[in-house]
Amino acid sequence: MTFTGVSFWLVGIPILLLMLVPIVLVHELGHFIMARLSKIRVLEFGLGFPPRARVLGHDHETEYTLNYLPIGGFVRLEGEETDSDDPRAFTNAPLAKQLIVLLAGVTMNLLTAFLLFFIVAWAFNPVIQPTVTLSVDPKDMNTPARVSGLHDGETLISIDGDPFVAPSVLEFSRSDAAAPWRQQLLDHAGEKVDLVVADASGSTRTISVQLRIPTGDQHGALGVSLGSLVNTSGNPMQAAGLAFSGTGRAMNLILGAVGDIGAQLFTNPTKGPAGVQGPVGMAADVASVVQQPNALMLLLLIAGILSANLALVNVLPFPVLDGGKMVIMIIKRMFGAKGVSNFEALAYLASFALLLAFMGWITYFDIVTKITGQ
């Protein structure tokens, strides 16, 4: 899949927008609901970003608008951007209410991530299992796997009674899922072991294998590649646990990626951070995912990760983000400041410009990777 591919334009971008827009709207809906419950005046709830296309309607205080840029939405509160004497203005509300309103968007995204992961875990329960792919390297055909009669597509169940664990896809990790299985085999390198394996129907058999000590062109103790994604039966209780832990793990992975981005910016900004993608990279991946047999499950998983991503990014102490706004609100109360100062407005403007520059930086490396393959 490339940036210029037909699927990228006709499939990747539209589907990515179909995932991102509701996730952003859910975030803004959190702000809207808590502002209303906190008696803070909501002036506008916008679908998309300006320029405005049309007014969809209004109630006693809020105008609902449709805007031309279909990349999410926004909530405009009284007194959020300019001074206001309205007692229901955001800047005139108690600090606790301000923080609750700002945290509501993050909370909604976390709940959305949990719900999407729950659906994946219950309806699909995808696991990565140690399915065997026999070596096709012409320099390494006489492998222990082939000699013992292990078949392509069989799954390793246990080695000398020690089971091979098939982790859930929701057990997000930046490490190689097959690494623990390879280590189990390497722990017995040079030994004769009993492997219990299962075929596609689930029937099991035990084979005796003389594992080798990897050297030179002979890779691995068994001489196979391991790993395949399969759906298994799930249940609500198990799904809830996986969704809860999966949301936490997704946040942890994203936090690690944020750290990698920061390190890359300060040490080598002329090179993109490994494993981090912007909108171009995500759209290309989505276009590739929809061509796979388990596309729906993978898209729900991606949407959950995006929602968790939006939640974590928004609590960062950057002025234009919710976390930065919370810090500003706290500092203002500590020093008794009221209203919206020129410094505060400048901080929002400058941070927004930096955010756009950062998106351009990430997008540049997306394009380089997807088009040139560098």
Protein backbone atom coordinates (compact mmCIF):
# COMPACT_ATOMS: atom_id res chain seq x y z
CA MET A 1 0.00 0.00 0.00
CA THR A 2 1.39 3.38 -0.98
CA PHE A 3 0.32 6.99 -0.59
CA THR A 4 -0.59 7.04 -4.28
CA GLY A 5 -2.53 3.76 -4.31
CA VAL A 6 -6.20 3.79 -5.25
CA SER A 7 -7.17 2.00 -2.02
CA PHE A 8 -5.44 4.69 0.02
CA TRP A 9 -7.63 7.44 -1.44
CA LEU A 10 -10.91 5.53 -1.88
CA VAL A 11 -10.76 3.32 1.21
CA GLY A 12 -8.03 4.29 3.67
CA ILE A 13 -8.80 7.99 4.11
CA PRO A 14 -12.65 7.68 4.23
CA ILE A 15 -12.58 4.80 6.74
CA LEU A 16 -9.99 6.53 8.91
CA LEU A 17 -12.23 9.61 8.99
CA LEU A 18 -15.22 7.43 9.83
CA MET A 19 -13.28 6.21 12.86
CA LEU A 20 -11.66 9.50 13.91
CA VAL A 21 -14.66 11.81 13.60
CA PRO A 22 -16.94 9.88 16.03
CA ILE A 23 -14.02 9.48 18.47
CA VAL A 24 -13.44 13.25 18.49
CA LEU A 25 -17.18 13.94 18.72
CA VAL A 26 -17.48 11.61 21.71
CA HIS A 27 -14.68 13.59 23.35
CA GLU A 28 -16.48 16.88 22.72
CA LEU A 29 -19.78 15.36 23.84
CA GLY A 30 -18.14 14.71 27.21
CA HIS A 31 -17.28 18.40 27.53
CA PHE A 32 -20.79 19.37 26.41
CA ILE A 33 -22.62 17.10 28.85
CA MET A 34 -20.52 18.07 31.87
CA ALA A 35 -20.69 21.77 31.01
CA ARG A 36 -24.48 21.56 30.89
CA LEU A 37 -24.59 19.58 34.16
CA SER A 38 -22.23 22.13 35.73
CA LYS A 39 -24.48 25.03 34.62
CA ILE A 40 -21.75 26.46 32.36
CA ARG A 41 -23.15 28.13 29.25
CA VAL A 42 -22.43 26.25 26.00
CA LEU A 43 -22.56 28.63 23.04
CA GLU A 44 -21.91 26.17 20.20
CA PHE A 45 -21.54 22.47 19.49
CA GLY A 46 -19.93 22.10 16.07
CA LEU A 47 -19.69 19.07 13.80
CA GLY A 48 -16.42 19.47 11.91
CA PHE A 49 -14.24 22.56 12.08
CA PRO A 50 -14.88 26.03 10.61
CA PRO A 51 -15.57 27.57 8.21
CA ARG A 52 -19.22 27.05 8.99
CA ALA A 53 -21.45 25.37 6.41
CA ARG A 54 -24.81 25.80 8.09
CA VAL A 55 -26.68 26.01 11.38
CA LEU A 56 -28.38 22.70 12.14
CA GLY A 57 -30.50 24.04 14.96
CA HIS A 58 -30.40 25.54 18.43
CA ASP A 59 -31.98 25.29 21.84
CA HIS A 60 -32.36 27.91 24.55
CA GLU A 61 -28.61 28.63 24.65
CA THR A 62 -26.62 26.38 22.29
CA GLU A 63 -26.23 26.61 18.54
CA TYR A 64 -25.58 23.33 16.68
CA THR A 65 -23.54 23.81 13.51
CA LEU A 66 -22.17 21.86 10.58
CA ASN A 67 -18.71 22.93 9.41
CA TYR A 68 -16.76 22.28 6.24
CA LEU A 69 -13.66 20.51 7.65
CA PRO A 70 -14.83 16.94 8.53
CA ILE A 71 -12.14 16.20 11.11
CA GLY A 72 -14.08 16.02 14.36
CA GLY A 73 -15.93 18.71 16.22
CA PHE A 74 -15.73 21.29 18.99
CA VAL A 75 -17.59 22.81 21.92
CA ARG A 76 -17.46 26.59 22.47
CA LEU A 77 -18.10 27.69 26.03
CA GLU A 78 -19.00 31.16 27.25
CA GLY A 79 -15.87 32.86 28.56
CA GLU A 80 -13.48 30.14 27.42
CA GLU A 81 -11.63 32.31 24.88
CA THR A 82 -12.54 35.86 25.90
CA ASP A 83 -13.50 37.70 29.08
CA SER A 84 -17.16 37.48 30.11
CA ASP A 85 -19.25 38.93 32.92
CA ASP A 86 -21.77 36.11 32.54
CA PRO A 87 -21.96 34.29 35.92
CA ARG A 88 -22.30 31.04 33.92
CA ALA A 89 -19.09 31.66 31.96
CA PHE A 90 -16.42 28.98 32.07
CA THR A 91 -13.80 31.29 33.58
CA ASN A 92 -16.24 32.33 36.33
CA ALA A 93 -17.05 28.75 37.35
CA PRO A 94 -15.45 27.16 40.44
CA LEU A 95 -12.14 25.44 39.74
CA ALA A 96 -13.59 21.99 40.49
CA LYS A 97 -16.26 22.45 37.81
CA GLN A 98 -13.69 23.68 35.29
CA LEU A 99 -11.50 20.64 35.86
CA ILE A 100 -14.46 18.26 35.66
CA VAL A 101 -15.55 19.75 32.34
CA LEU A 102 -12.02 19.48 30.95
CA LEU A 103 -11.58 15.89 32.17
CA ALA A 104 -14.95 14.80 30.78
CA GLY A 105 -13.63 14.53 27.22
CA VAL A 106 -10.74 12.31 28.31
CA THR A 107 -13.11 10.17 30.36
CA MET A 108 -15.43 9.66 27.40
CA ASN A 109 -12.52 8.55 25.22
CA LEU A 110 -11.38 6.06 27.85
CA LEU A 111 -14.90 4.67 28.12
CA THR A 112 -15.08 4.43 24.33
CA ALA A 113 -11.76 2.58 24.19
CA PHE A 114 -12.97 0.19 26.90
CA LEU A 115 -16.25 -0.44 25.04
CA LEU A 116 -14.51 -1.11 21.71
CA PHE A 117 -11.99 -3.46 23.34
CA PHE A 118 -14.84 -5.21 25.15
CA ILE A 119 -16.64 -5.81 21.84
CA VAL A 120 -13.43 -7.18 20.31
CA ALA A 121 -12.73 -9.44 23.29
CA TRP A 122 -16.29 -10.78 23.52
CA ALA A 123 -17.29 -11.07 19.87
CA PHE A 124 -13.89 -12.15 18.49
CA ASN A 125 -11.50 -12.83 21.40
CA PRO A 126 -8.44 -12.76 19.08
CA VAL A 127 -5.29 -14.51 20.27
CA ILE A 128 -1.83 -14.93 18.81
CA GLN A 129 -1.07 -18.64 18.88
CA PRO A 130 2.20 -20.49 18.12
CA THR A 131 1.21 -21.83 14.71
CA VAL A 132 4.07 -23.42 12.81
CA THR A 133 5.35 -22.28 9.42
CA LEU A 134 8.08 -24.62 8.24
CA SER A 135 11.34 -23.10 7.05
CA VAL A 136 11.63 -22.64 3.29
CA ASP A 137 15.25 -21.49 3.40
CA PRO A 138 17.12 -23.72 0.90
CA LYS A 139 20.16 -23.57 3.20
CA ASP A 140 18.14 -24.89 6.12
CA MET A 141 15.73 -27.59 4.91
CA ASN A 142 16.85 -30.45 7.17
CA THR A 143 15.32 -28.87 10.27
CA PRO A 144 14.27 -30.71 13.45
CA ALA A 145 10.67 -29.79 12.59
CA ARG A 146 10.81 -31.47 9.17
CA VAL A 147 12.77 -34.49 10.42
CA SER A 148 10.23 -35.11 13.21
CA GLY A 149 7.24 -34.87 10.83
CA LEU A 150 5.82 -31.58 12.13
CA HIS A 151 3.32 -30.21 9.61
CA ASP A 152 2.88 -26.70 8.29
CA GLY A 153 -0.05 -25.00 10.08
CA GLU A 154 0.04 -27.13 13.24
CA THR A 155 0.04 -25.31 16.58
CA LEU A 156 2.46 -25.96 19.43
CA ILE A 157 0.58 -26.87 22.61
CA SER A 158 3.36 -27.85 25.03
CA ILE A 159 7.00 -28.88 25.29
CA ASP A 160 7.75 -31.59 27.85
CA GLY A 161 4.52 -30.63 29.61
CA ASP A 162 5.30 -26.89 29.65
CA PRO A 163 2.45 -25.15 27.76
CA PHE A 164 2.92 -22.55 25.06
CA VAL A 165 0.73 -19.59 26.11
CA ALA A 166 -1.34 -17.90 23.38
CA PRO A 167 -1.71 -14.23 24.45
CA SER A 168 -4.75 -12.13 23.64
CA VAL A 169 -4.23 -9.40 21.06
CA LEU A 170 -5.50 -7.04 23.78
CA GLU A 171 -2.39 -7.82 25.82
CA PHE A 172 -0.63 -5.05 23.90
CA SER A 173 3.13 -5.21 23.94
CA ARG A 174 5.93 -3.51 22.04
CA SER A 175 7.86 -6.80 22.07
CA ASP A 176 7.70 -9.70 19.63
CA ALA A 177 4.80 -12.00 20.57
CA ALA A 178 6.77 -15.04 19.40
CA ALA A 179 9.81 -14.28 21.60
CA PRO A 180 8.57 -16.29 24.64
CA TRP A 181 7.85 -19.33 22.46
CA ARG A 182 11.26 -19.18 20.84
CA GLN A 183 12.83 -18.91 24.27
CA GLN A 184 10.93 -21.99 25.46
CA LEU A 185 12.43 -23.93 22.59
CA LEU A 186 15.92 -22.46 23.09
CA ASP A 187 15.82 -23.48 26.76
CA HIS A 188 15.81 -27.09 25.48
CA ALA A 189 18.31 -26.59 22.64
CA GLY A 190 20.34 -29.76 22.05
CA GLU A 191 17.81 -31.92 23.91
CA LYS A 192 15.27 -34.50 22.80
CA VAL A 193 11.79 -33.29 23.81
CA ASP A 194 8.15 -34.27 23.47
CA LEU A 195 6.06 -31.70 21.63
CA VAL A 196 2.26 -31.78 21.82
CA VAL A 197 0.84 -30.20 18.67
CA ALA A 198 -2.68 -29.63 17.31
CA ASP A 199 -3.93 -29.48 13.74
CA ALA A 200 -6.55 -27.08 12.36
CA SER A 201 -9.40 -29.29 13.60
CA GLY A 202 -8.04 -29.27 17.15
CA SER A 203 -6.87 -32.89 17.15
CA THR A 204 -3.65 -33.27 19.13
CA ARG A 205 -0.69 -35.60 18.82
CA THR A 206 2.70 -35.98 20.52
CA ILE A 207 5.93 -36.07 18.55
CA SER A 208 9.49 -36.59 19.72
CA VAL A 209 11.92 -33.93 18.45
CA GLN A 210 15.68 -33.62 18.76
CA LEU A 211 16.13 -29.86 19.07
CA ARG A 212 19.31 -28.34 17.72
CA ILE A 213 21.63 -25.64 18.96
CA PRO A 214 21.25 -22.74 16.47
CA THR A 215 24.46 -21.95 14.57
CA GLY A 216 25.22 -20.06 11.35
CA ASP A 217 22.46 -20.58 8.79
CA GLN A 218 20.51 -22.88 11.12
CA HIS A 219 18.12 -20.44 12.78
CA GLY A 220 16.15 -21.48 15.85
CA ALA A 221 16.09 -24.68 17.88
CA LEU A 222 13.14 -26.11 15.89
CA GLY A 223 13.64 -24.40 12.54
CA VAL A 224 10.20 -22.82 12.12
CA SER A 225 8.45 -19.46 12.13
CA LEU A 226 5.80 -19.09 14.82
CA GLY A 227 2.62 -17.04 15.11
CA SER A 228 -0.86 -16.58 13.68
CA LEU A 229 -3.92 -14.52 14.60
CA VAL A 230 -7.06 -16.55 15.32
CA ASN A 231 -10.47 -15.81 16.82
CA THR A 232 -11.61 -17.88 19.79
CA SER A 233 -14.76 -18.03 21.91
CA GLY A 234 -15.10 -15.27 24.49
CA ASN A 235 -17.41 -14.50 27.41
CA PRO A 236 -18.54 -11.20 28.97
CA MET A 237 -16.56 -11.52 32.21
CA GLN A 238 -13.34 -12.41 30.43
CA ALA A 239 -13.99 -9.68 27.85
CA ALA A 240 -14.47 -7.04 30.56
CA GLY A 241 -11.17 -7.99 32.20
CA LEU A 242 -9.31 -7.94 28.88
CA ALA A 243 -10.92 -4.61 27.91
CA PHE A 244 -9.92 -3.03 31.22
CA SER A 245 -6.34 -4.28 31.14
CA GLY A 246 -6.14 -3.66 27.39
CA THR A 247 -7.09 -0.01 27.84
CA GLY A 248 -4.34 0.39 30.42
CA ARG A 249 -1.79 -1.36 28.22
CA ALA A 250 -2.77 0.75 25.20
CA MET A 251 -2.26 3.91 27.27
CA ASN A 252 1.13 2.62 28.41
CA LEU A 253 2.19 1.90 24.82
CA ILE A 254 1.07 5.35 23.72
CA LEU A 255 2.93 6.95 26.63
CA GLY A 256 6.06 5.12 25.50
CA ALA A 257 5.53 6.39 21.96
CA VAL A 258 5.19 9.96 23.26
CA GLY A 259 8.50 9.52 25.04
CA ASP A 260 10.10 8.20 21.85
CA ILE A 261 8.79 11.19 19.90
CA GLY A 262 10.18 13.62 22.48
CA ALA A 263 13.57 11.90 22.44
CA GLN A 264 13.65 11.93 18.64
CA LEU A 265 12.77 15.61 18.44
CA PHE A 266 15.59 16.57 20.78
CA THR A 267 18.26 14.15 19.51
CA ASN A 268 17.64 13.62 15.79
CA PRO A 269 14.70 15.60 14.37
CA THR A 270 15.77 14.84 10.79
CA LYS A 271 14.60 11.25 11.24
CA GLY A 272 11.11 10.08 12.13
CA PRO A 273 10.55 8.14 15.39
CA ALA A 274 10.43 4.38 14.83
CA GLY A 275 6.99 2.81 15.11
CA VAL A 276 5.13 6.15 15.22
CA GLN A 277 2.73 7.13 12.44
CA GLY A 278 0.69 10.17 11.53
CA PRO A 279 -2.55 10.39 9.53
CA VAL A 280 -0.95 9.30 6.24
CA GLY A 281 0.56 6.18 7.77
CA MET A 282 -2.66 5.32 9.59
CA ALA A 283 -4.75 5.74 6.43
CA ALA A 284 -2.38 3.47 4.50
CA ASP A 285 -2.57 0.83 7.25
CA VAL A 286 -6.37 1.05 7.33
CA ALA A 287 -6.50 0.56 3.56
CA SER A 288 -4.41 -2.57 4.02
CA VAL A 289 -6.43 -3.86 6.99
CA VAL A 290 -9.78 -3.74 5.16
CA GLN A 291 -8.45 -6.30 2.67
CA GLN A 292 -7.88 -8.89 5.41
CA PRO A 293 -10.43 -11.59 6.44
CA ASN A 294 -10.71 -10.25 10.02
CA ALA A 295 -10.98 -6.61 8.91
CA LEU A 296 -13.92 -5.66 11.17
CA MET A 297 -12.16 -6.90 14.30
CA LEU A 298 -8.93 -5.12 13.38
CA LEU A 299 -10.73 -1.85 12.60
CA LEU A 300 -12.52 -1.96 15.97
CA LEU A 301 -9.16 -2.60 17.63
CA ILE A 302 -7.57 0.34 15.79
CA ALA A 303 -10.50 2.58 16.74
CA GLY A 304 -10.06 1.60 20.39
CA ILE A 305 -6.35 2.43 20.26
CA LEU A 306 -7.11 5.77 18.60
CA SER A 307 -9.61 6.61 21.34
CA ALA A 308 -7.11 5.71 24.06
CA ASN A 309 -4.53 7.76 22.16
CA LEU A 310 -6.78 10.83 22.11
CA ALA A 311 -7.45 10.43 25.84
CA LEU A 312 -3.78 10.30 26.79
CA VAL A 313 -2.63 13.03 24.41
CA ASN A 314 -5.30 15.40 25.73
CA VAL A 315 -4.05 15.18 29.32
CA LEU A 316 -0.54 16.30 28.33
CA PRO A 317 0.31 19.70 29.88
CA PHE A 318 0.31 21.52 26.54
CA PRO A 319 -1.76 24.76 26.55
CA VAL A 320 -4.01 23.96 23.58
CA LEU A 321 -4.85 20.52 25.04
CA ASP A 322 -7.14 19.76 27.98
CA GLY A 323 -4.20 18.95 30.26
CA GLY A 324 -2.57 22.29 29.51
CA LYS A 325 -5.83 24.13 30.07
CA MET A 326 -6.19 22.41 33.45
CA VAL A 327 -2.70 23.55 34.46
CA ILE A 328 -3.53 27.12 33.40
CA MET A 329 -6.80 27.06 35.35
CA ILE A 330 -4.99 25.86 38.48
CA ILE A 331 -2.23 28.48 38.15
CA LYS A 332 -4.78 31.25 37.64
CA ARG A 333 -6.62 30.27 40.82
CA MET A 334 -3.35 30.09 42.77
CA PHE A 335 -2.54 33.68 41.81
CA GLY A 336 -6.09 34.96 41.91
CA ALA A 337 -6.23 35.74 38.18
CA LYS A 338 -9.59 36.04 36.45
CA GLY A 339 -10.74 36.22 32.86
CA VAL A 340 -8.66 35.42 29.79
CA SER A 341 -5.33 37.27 29.75
CA ASN A 342 -3.38 38.22 26.65
CA PHE A 343 -0.62 35.83 27.77
CA GLU A 344 -3.10 32.98 28.02
CA ALA A 345 -4.50 33.69 24.55
CA LEU A 346 -0.97 33.88 23.14
CA ALA A 347 -0.05 30.58 24.80
CA TYR A 348 -3.04 28.88 23.15
CA LEU A 349 -2.16 30.34 19.76
CA ALA A 350 1.53 29.44 20.01
CA SER A 351 0.83 25.89 21.17
CA PHE A 352 -1.67 25.40 18.35
CA ALA A 353 0.98 26.51 15.85
CA LEU A 354 3.49 24.10 17.39
CA LEU A 355 0.93 21.29 17.21
CA LEU A 356 0.40 21.97 13.50
CA ALA A 357 4.17 21.99 12.96
CA PHE A 358 4.47 18.68 14.78
CA MET A 359 1.74 17.13 12.62
CA GLY A 360 3.58 18.36 9.54
CA TRP A 361 6.81 16.80 10.86
CA ILE A 362 5.15 13.41 11.44
CA THR A 363 3.29 13.56 8.12
CA TYR A 364 6.51 14.26 6.21
CA PHE A 365 8.09 11.05 7.49
CA ASP A 366 4.80 9.20 6.81
CA ILE A 367 5.01 10.23 3.16
CA VAL A 368 8.71 9.37 2.92
CA THR A 369 8.07 5.92 4.36
CA LYS A 370 4.94 5.09 2.37
CA ILE A 371 6.05 6.44 -1.00
CA THR A 372 9.81 5.92 -1.10
CA GLY A 373 10.02 3.01 1.33
CA GLN A 374 12.99 4.66 3.09
